[in-house]
């Protein structure tokens, strides 16, 4: 009996399976709109990201403690680059009017299931309410659905993070429930995670909704 291992799933070679074909590898895209430009993370972005990350409000709900020193920031950057090199995450730098204002990532990459997560999103408070997050989500989801052919894009956030949850609902994502005691974050704090998603069935109306929101900016 021939056995094939794909995406950590053992598939009997005698039984047809969607997992027994060639699995596509996704690469970091370059995405650009009127407000933001999302670029693949590179070493030359380290200084700009450091400066954009200095406001403590940016880190209130992230799962790690805010790096306080250049050395700690270098470790944070190296971890992001290592994830990119391993192919487990695709970190992007968010630019607004040519200046770096934050970062976001594609993660939980599952091309064999046509599914991806958008997360690790943070912006300097100066970019809040400018449409930067809305357009970034539009660009990322459009790439996921229309270039990668995804069936599902998912998001998760701290269940207590009302601002993030309202933003996801305003984007048009569907609330799917809360995973209790899902993660230990920062210095060992418990986090219940609220999950949201947009599917390919939802995408046409979600895209239209986001384009309408951005048209007035």
C-alpha atoms as a PDB file:
ATOM      1  CA  UNK A   1       0.000   0.000   0.000  1.00  0.00           C
ATOM      2  CA  UNK A   2       1.467   3.347  -1.057  1.00  0.00           C
ATOM      3  CA  UNK A   3       1.173   6.133   1.498  1.00  0.00           C
ATOM      4  CA  UNK A   4       1.615   9.842   0.840  1.00  0.00           C
ATOM      5  CA  UNK A   5       2.064  12.510   3.498  1.00  0.00           C
ATOM      6  CA  UNK A   6       0.653  15.941   2.651  1.00  0.00           C
ATOM      7  CA  UNK A   7       0.205  18.816   5.090  1.00  0.00           C
ATOM      8  CA  UNK A   8       0.565  16.470   8.074  1.00  0.00           C
ATOM      9  CA  UNK A   9      -2.349  14.334   6.850  1.00  0.00           C
ATOM     10  CA  UNK A  10      -1.718  10.674   6.040  1.00  0.00           C
ATOM     11  CA  UNK A  11      -3.548   9.702   2.883  1.00  0.00           C
ATOM     12  CA  UNK A  12      -4.018   6.136   1.603  1.00  0.00           C
ATOM     13  CA  UNK A  13      -2.554   6.187  -1.889  1.00  0.00           C
ATOM     14  CA  UNK A  14      -5.354   3.938  -3.146  1.00  0.00           C
ATOM     15  CA  UNK A  15      -8.063   6.412  -2.179  1.00  0.00           C
ATOM     16  CA  UNK A  16      -8.457   9.639  -4.222  1.00  0.00           C
ATOM     17  CA  UNK A  17      -7.999  12.720  -2.037  1.00  0.00           C
ATOM     18  CA  UNK A  18      -7.764  16.460  -2.539  1.00  0.00           C
ATOM     19  CA  UNK A  19      -4.675  16.274  -0.301  1.00  0.00           C
ATOM     20  CA  UNK A  20      -2.795  13.832  -2.566  1.00  0.00           C
ATOM     21  CA  UNK A  21      -2.048  16.397  -5.274  1.00  0.00           C
ATOM     22  CA  UNK A  22       0.666  19.011  -5.468  1.00  0.00           C
ATOM     23  CA  UNK A  23       0.294  21.613  -2.712  1.00  0.00           C
ATOM     24  CA  UNK A  24       0.796  25.185  -3.890  1.00  0.00           C
ATOM     25  CA  UNK A  25       3.226  27.411  -1.994  1.00  0.00           C
ATOM     26  CA  UNK A  26       2.026  30.961  -1.383  1.00  0.00           C
ATOM     27  CA  UNK A  27       4.491  33.852  -1.579  1.00  0.00           C
ATOM     28  CA  UNK A  28       4.311  37.293   0.079  1.00  0.00           C
ATOM     29  CA  UNK A  29       2.476  39.636  -2.290  1.00  0.00           C
ATOM     30  CA  UNK A  30       2.945  43.338  -2.951  1.00  0.00           C
ATOM     31  CA  UNK A  31      -0.454  44.976  -2.462  1.00  0.00           C
ATOM     32  CA  UNK A  32      -1.187  48.639  -3.094  1.00  0.00           C
ATOM     33  CA  UNK A  33      -4.281  50.811  -2.842  1.00  0.00           C
ATOM     34  CA  UNK A  34      -4.989  54.513  -2.548  1.00  0.00           C
ATOM     35  CA  UNK A  35      -4.230  54.679   1.176  1.00  0.00           C
ATOM     36  CA  UNK A  36      -1.826  51.863   1.967  1.00  0.00           C
ATOM     37  CA  UNK A  37       0.895  49.781   0.417  1.00  0.00           C
ATOM     38  CA  UNK A  38       1.682  46.338   1.863  1.00  0.00           C
ATOM     39  CA  UNK A  39       5.237  45.138   1.217  1.00  0.00           C
ATOM     40  CA  UNK A  40       7.087  41.951   2.063  1.00  0.00           C
ATOM     41  CA  UNK A  41       9.012  42.358   5.335  1.00  0.00           C
ATOM     42  CA  UNK A  42      12.701  43.055   4.716  1.00  0.00           C
ATOM     43  CA  UNK A  43      15.696  44.034   6.908  1.00  0.00           C
ATOM     44  CA  UNK A  44      15.529  47.639   5.709  1.00  0.00           C
ATOM     45  CA  UNK A  45      12.101  47.995   7.329  1.00  0.00           C
ATOM     46  CA  UNK A  46      13.423  47.387  10.851  1.00  0.00           C
ATOM     47  CA  UNK A  47      14.071  51.034  11.744  1.00  0.00           C
ATOM     48  CA  UNK A  48      10.740  52.308  10.420  1.00  0.00           C
ATOM     49  CA  UNK A  49       8.825  49.579  12.205  1.00  0.00           C
ATOM     50  CA  UNK A  50      10.676  50.321  15.439  1.00  0.00           C
ATOM     51  CA  UNK A  51       9.628  53.970  15.253  1.00  0.00           C
ATOM     52  CA  UNK A  52       6.025  53.087  14.352  1.00  0.00           C
ATOM     53  CA  UNK A  53       5.783  50.612  17.240  1.00  0.00           C
ATOM     54  CA  UNK A  54       6.694  52.964  20.100  1.00  0.00           C
ATOM     55  CA  UNK A  55       3.161  53.842  21.255  1.00  0.00           C
ATOM     56  CA  UNK A  56       2.102  51.460  24.051  1.00  0.00           C
ATOM     57  CA  UNK A  57      -1.513  51.591  22.834  1.00  0.00           C
ATOM     58  CA  UNK A  58      -0.451  49.608  19.778  1.00  0.00           C
ATOM     59  CA  UNK A  59       0.472  46.632  21.961  1.00  0.00           C
ATOM     60  CA  UNK A  60      -2.453  46.601  24.374  1.00  0.00           C
ATOM     61  CA  UNK A  61      -4.029  43.498  22.827  1.00  0.00           C
ATOM     62  CA  UNK A  62      -1.158  41.838  20.998  1.00  0.00           C
ATOM     63  CA  UNK A  63      -0.088  38.453  22.303  1.00  0.00           C
ATOM     64  CA  UNK A  64       3.473  39.518  23.133  1.00  0.00           C
ATOM     65  CA  UNK A  65       4.890  42.197  25.407  1.00  0.00           C
ATOM     66  CA  UNK A  66       5.975  45.382  23.658  1.00  0.00           C
ATOM     67  CA  UNK A  67       9.727  45.267  22.914  1.00  0.00           C
ATOM     68  CA  UNK A  68      11.316  48.066  24.916  1.00  0.00           C
ATOM     69  CA  UNK A  69      14.872  48.048  23.598  1.00  0.00           C
ATOM     70  CA  UNK A  70      16.504  47.858  20.194  1.00  0.00           C
ATOM     71  CA  UNK A  71      17.845  44.426  21.111  1.00  0.00           C
ATOM     72  CA  UNK A  72      14.358  43.170  21.975  1.00  0.00           C
ATOM     73  CA  UNK A  73      13.042  44.644  18.745  1.00  0.00           C
ATOM     74  CA  UNK A  74      15.740  42.844  16.751  1.00  0.00           C
ATOM     75  CA  UNK A  75      14.618  39.564  18.334  1.00  0.00           C
ATOM     76  CA  UNK A  76      10.988  40.321  17.388  1.00  0.00           C
ATOM     77  CA  UNK A  77      12.031  41.081  13.798  1.00  0.00           C
ATOM     78  CA  UNK A  78      14.177  37.973  13.566  1.00  0.00           C
ATOM     79  CA  UNK A  79      11.270  35.809  14.730  1.00  0.00           C
ATOM     80  CA  UNK A  80       9.079  37.341  12.004  1.00  0.00           C
ATOM     81  CA  UNK A  81      11.736  36.760   9.350  1.00  0.00           C
ATOM     82  CA  UNK A  82      12.262  33.170  10.551  1.00  0.00           C
ATOM     83  CA  UNK A  83       8.532  32.478  10.211  1.00  0.00           C
ATOM     84  CA  UNK A  84       8.646  33.889   6.687  1.00  0.00           C
ATOM     85  CA  UNK A  85      11.655  31.784   5.752  1.00  0.00           C
ATOM     86  CA  UNK A  86       9.981  28.683   7.172  1.00  0.00           C
ATOM     87  CA  UNK A  87       6.885  29.436   5.095  1.00  0.00           C
ATOM     88  CA  UNK A  88       4.574  29.376   8.111  1.00  0.00           C
ATOM     89  CA  UNK A  89       3.709  33.093   7.944  1.00  0.00           C
ATOM     90  CA  UNK A  90       3.912  35.908   5.392  1.00  0.00           C
ATOM     91  CA  UNK A  91       4.710  39.162   7.270  1.00  0.00           C
ATOM     92  CA  UNK A  92       3.919  42.423   5.486  1.00  0.00           C
ATOM     93  CA  UNK A  93       4.863  46.011   6.254  1.00  0.00           C
ATOM     94  CA  UNK A  94       2.064  48.591   6.115  1.00  0.00           C
ATOM     95  CA  UNK A  95       2.991  51.918   4.525  1.00  0.00           C
ATOM     96  CA  UNK A  96       0.767  54.976   4.397  1.00  0.00           C
ATOM     97  CA  UNK A  97       1.865  58.009   2.342  1.00  0.00           C
ATOM     98  CA  UNK A  98       5.260  56.266   1.951  1.00  0.00           C
ATOM     99  CA  UNK A  99       5.828  56.117   5.723  1.00  0.00           C
ATOM    100  CA  UNK A 100       5.742  52.891   7.742  1.00  0.00           C
ATOM    101  CA  UNK A 101       2.739  52.812  10.082  1.00  0.00           C
ATOM    102  CA  UNK A 102       2.493  49.146  11.066  1.00  0.00           C
ATOM    103  CA  UNK A 103       2.430  45.542   9.990  1.00  0.00           C
ATOM    104  CA  UNK A 104       0.117  42.633   9.234  1.00  0.00           C
ATOM    105  CA  UNK A 105       0.547  38.992   8.249  1.00  0.00           C
ATOM    106  CA  UNK A 106      -0.975  36.082   6.432  1.00  0.00           C
ATOM    107  CA  UNK A 107      -0.716  33.057   8.722  1.00  0.00           C
ATOM    108  CA  UNK A 108      -2.292  29.635   9.274  1.00  0.00           C
ATOM    109  CA  UNK A 109      -1.474  29.038   5.617  1.00  0.00           C
ATOM    110  CA  UNK A 110      -3.443  26.036   4.360  1.00  0.00           C
ATOM    111  CA  UNK A 111      -3.345  26.076   0.564  1.00  0.00           C
ATOM    112  CA  UNK A 112      -4.427  22.431   0.498  1.00  0.00           C
ATOM    113  CA  UNK A 113      -7.712  23.574   2.083  1.00  0.00           C
ATOM    114  CA  UNK A 114      -7.816  26.986   0.353  1.00  0.00           C
ATOM    115  CA  UNK A 115      -7.811  28.722   3.729  1.00  0.00           C
ATOM    116  CA  UNK A 116      -5.723  31.442   5.378  1.00  0.00           C
ATOM    117  CA  UNK A 117      -5.760  33.684   8.429  1.00  0.00           C
ATOM    118  CA  UNK A 118      -5.086  37.427   8.492  1.00  0.00           C
ATOM    119  CA  UNK A 119      -3.607  38.525  11.781  1.00  0.00           C
ATOM    120  CA  UNK A 120      -0.741  40.051  13.767  1.00  0.00           C
ATOM    121  CA  UNK A 121      -2.154  43.350  12.554  1.00  0.00           C
ATOM    122  CA  UNK A 122      -1.035  46.521  14.297  1.00  0.00           C
ATOM    123  CA  UNK A 123      -0.995  50.184  13.338  1.00  0.00           C
ATOM    124  CA  UNK A 124       0.409  53.290  14.969  1.00  0.00           C
ATOM    125  CA  UNK A 125      -2.527  55.223  16.536  1.00  0.00           C
ATOM    126  CA  UNK A 126      -1.969  58.023  14.004  1.00  0.00           C
ATOM    127  CA  UNK A 127      -3.269  55.624  11.334  1.00  0.00           C
ATOM    128  CA  UNK A 128      -6.391  54.620  13.278  1.00  0.00           C
ATOM    129  CA  UNK A 129      -9.589  55.825  11.666  1.00  0.00           C
ATOM    130  CA  UNK A 130      -7.858  56.813   8.403  1.00  0.00           C
ATOM    131  CA  UNK A 131      -9.129  53.903   6.346  1.00  0.00           C
ATOM    132  CA  UNK A 132      -5.705  52.231   6.441  1.00  0.00           C
ATOM    133  CA  UNK A 133      -6.969  49.106   8.193  1.00  0.00           C
ATOM    134  CA  UNK A 134     -10.089  48.879   6.023  1.00  0.00           C
ATOM    135  CA  UNK A 135      -8.099  49.116   2.798  1.00  0.00           C
ATOM    136  CA  UNK A 136      -5.433  46.700   4.031  1.00  0.00           C
ATOM    137  CA  UNK A 137      -8.131  44.130   4.816  1.00  0.00           C
ATOM    138  CA  UNK A 138      -9.686  44.686   1.379  1.00  0.00           C
ATOM    139  CA  UNK A 139      -6.325  44.213  -0.358  1.00  0.00           C
ATOM    140  CA  UNK A 140      -5.460  41.112   1.655  1.00  0.00           C
ATOM    141  CA  UNK A 141      -8.826  39.445   1.231  1.00  0.00           C
ATOM    142  CA  UNK A 142      -8.967  40.291  -2.459  1.00  0.00           C
ATOM    143  CA  UNK A 143      -5.578  38.645  -2.910  1.00  0.00           C
ATOM    144  CA  UNK A 144      -6.636  35.607  -0.875  1.00  0.00           C
ATOM    145  CA  UNK A 145      -9.904  35.047  -2.720  1.00  0.00           C
ATOM    146  CA  UNK A 146      -9.082  36.248  -6.219  1.00  0.00           C
ATOM    147  CA  UNK A 147      -5.403  35.302  -6.611  1.00  0.00           C
ATOM    148  CA  UNK A 148      -4.944  32.355  -4.263  1.00  0.00           C
ATOM    149  CA  UNK A 149      -8.475  31.031  -4.772  1.00  0.00           C
ATOM    150  CA  UNK A 150      -9.253  30.758  -1.058  1.00  0.00           C
ATOM    151  CA  UNK A 151     -12.555  29.444   0.201  1.00  0.00           C
ATOM    152  CA  UNK A 152     -12.098  30.945   3.669  1.00  0.00           C
ATOM    153  CA  UNK A 153     -10.256  33.836   5.314  1.00  0.00           C
ATOM    154  CA  UNK A 154     -10.267  33.792   9.106  1.00  0.00           C
ATOM    155  CA  UNK A 155      -9.475  36.237  11.882  1.00  0.00           C
ATOM    156  CA  UNK A 156      -9.092  35.870  15.636  1.00  0.00           C
ATOM    157  CA  UNK A 157      -8.776  38.417  18.398  1.00  0.00           C
ATOM    158  CA  UNK A 158      -8.893  38.631  22.175  1.00  0.00           C
ATOM    159  CA  UNK A 159     -12.522  38.197  23.179  1.00  0.00           C
ATOM    160  CA  UNK A 160     -12.153  41.254  25.440  1.00  0.00           C
ATOM    161  CA  UNK A 161     -10.858  43.449  22.627  1.00  0.00           C
ATOM    162  CA  UNK A 162     -14.084  45.254  21.793  1.00  0.00           C
ATOM    163  CA  UNK A 163     -12.414  47.693  19.402  1.00  0.00           C
ATOM    164  CA  UNK A 164     -10.969  44.881  17.269  1.00  0.00           C
ATOM    165  CA  UNK A 165     -14.210  42.924  17.347  1.00  0.00           C
ATOM    166  CA  UNK A 166     -16.225  45.943  16.207  1.00  0.00           C
ATOM    167  CA  UNK A 167     -13.717  46.527  13.414  1.00  0.00           C
ATOM    168  CA  UNK A 168     -13.995  42.931  12.197  1.00  0.00           C
ATOM    169  CA  UNK A 169     -17.768  43.101  12.263  1.00  0.00           C
ATOM    170  CA  UNK A 170     -17.624  46.414  10.363  1.00  0.00           C
ATOM    171  CA  UNK A 171     -15.430  44.749   7.738  1.00  0.00           C
ATOM    172  CA  UNK A 172     -18.206  42.225   7.203  1.00  0.00           C
ATOM    173  CA  UNK A 173     -16.665  39.180   8.900  1.00  0.00           C
ATOM    174  CA  UNK A 174     -19.009  36.674  10.528  1.00  0.00           C
ATOM    175  CA  UNK A 175     -18.604  35.917  14.238  1.00  0.00           C
ATOM    176  CA  UNK A 176     -18.119  32.161  14.731  1.00  0.00           C
ATOM    177  CA  UNK A 177     -17.734  31.850  18.480  1.00  0.00           C
ATOM    178  CA  UNK A 178     -15.215  31.996  21.303  1.00  0.00           C
ATOM    179  CA  UNK A 179     -12.481  29.484  22.050  1.00  0.00           C
ATOM    180  CA  UNK A 180     -12.196  29.585  25.826  1.00  0.00           C
ATOM    181  CA  UNK A 181      -8.711  29.459  27.349  1.00  0.00           C
ATOM    182  CA  UNK A 182      -7.337  29.418  23.825  1.00  0.00           C
ATOM    183  CA  UNK A 183      -3.925  30.979  24.459  1.00  0.00           C
ATOM    184  CA  UNK A 184      -1.470  32.109  27.094  1.00  0.00           C
ATOM    185  CA  UNK A 185      -0.271  35.567  26.084  1.00  0.00           C
ATOM    186  CA  UNK A 186       2.251  38.188  27.157  1.00  0.00           C
ATOM    187  CA  UNK A 187       3.444  37.122  30.634  1.00  0.00           C
ATOM    188  CA  UNK A 188       1.174  34.105  30.969  1.00  0.00           C
ATOM    189  CA  UNK A 189      -2.219  35.839  30.886  1.00  0.00           C
ATOM    190  CA  UNK A 190      -5.189  33.762  29.757  1.00  0.00           C
ATOM    191  CA  UNK A 191      -6.809  34.717  26.471  1.00  0.00           C
ATOM    192  CA  UNK A 192     -10.184  33.616  25.192  1.00  0.00           C
ATOM    193  CA  UNK A 193     -10.184  34.135  21.427  1.00  0.00           C
ATOM    194  CA  UNK A 194     -13.124  35.381  19.354  1.00  0.00           C
ATOM    195  CA  UNK A 195     -13.135  33.913  15.840  1.00  0.00           C
ATOM    196  CA  UNK A 196     -14.463  35.526  12.666  1.00  0.00           C
ATOM    197  CA  UNK A 197     -14.422  34.567   9.010  1.00  0.00           C
ATOM    198  CA  UNK A 198     -15.272  35.602   5.485  1.00  0.00           C
ATOM    199  CA  UNK A 199     -15.924  32.839   2.934  1.00  0.00           C
ATOM    200  CA  UNK A 200     -15.831  32.910  -0.833  1.00  0.00           C
ATOM    201  CA  UNK A 201     -19.650  32.954  -0.753  1.00  0.00           C
ATOM    202  CA  UNK A 202     -19.532  36.114   1.383  1.00  0.00           C
ATOM    203  CA  UNK A 203     -16.747  37.788  -0.574  1.00  0.00           C
ATOM    204  CA  UNK A 204     -18.693  39.594  -3.347  1.00  0.00           C
ATOM    205  CA  UNK A 205     -20.899  41.438  -0.850  1.00  0.00           C
ATOM    206  CA  UNK A 206     -18.017  42.044   1.585  1.00  0.00           C
ATOM    207  CA  UNK A 207     -15.870  43.459  -1.224  1.00  0.00           C
ATOM    208  CA  UNK A 208     -18.668  45.757  -2.370  1.00  0.00           C
ATOM    209  CA  UNK A 209     -19.234  46.909   1.216  1.00  0.00           C
ATOM    210  CA  UNK A 210     -15.545  47.730   1.745  1.00  0.00           C
ATOM    211  CA  UNK A 211     -15.208  49.507  -1.578  1.00  0.00           C
ATOM    212  CA  UNK A 212     -18.228  51.646  -0.673  1.00  0.00           C
ATOM    213  CA  UNK A 213     -16.699  52.505   2.706  1.00  0.00           C
ATOM    214  CA  UNK A 214     -13.450  53.551   1.073  1.00  0.00           C
ATOM    215  CA  UNK A 215     -15.059  55.520  -1.752  1.00  0.00           C
ATOM    216  CA  UNK A 216     -15.890  58.381   0.593  1.00  0.00           C
ATOM    217  CA  UNK A 217     -12.281  58.810   1.769  1.00  0.00           C
END
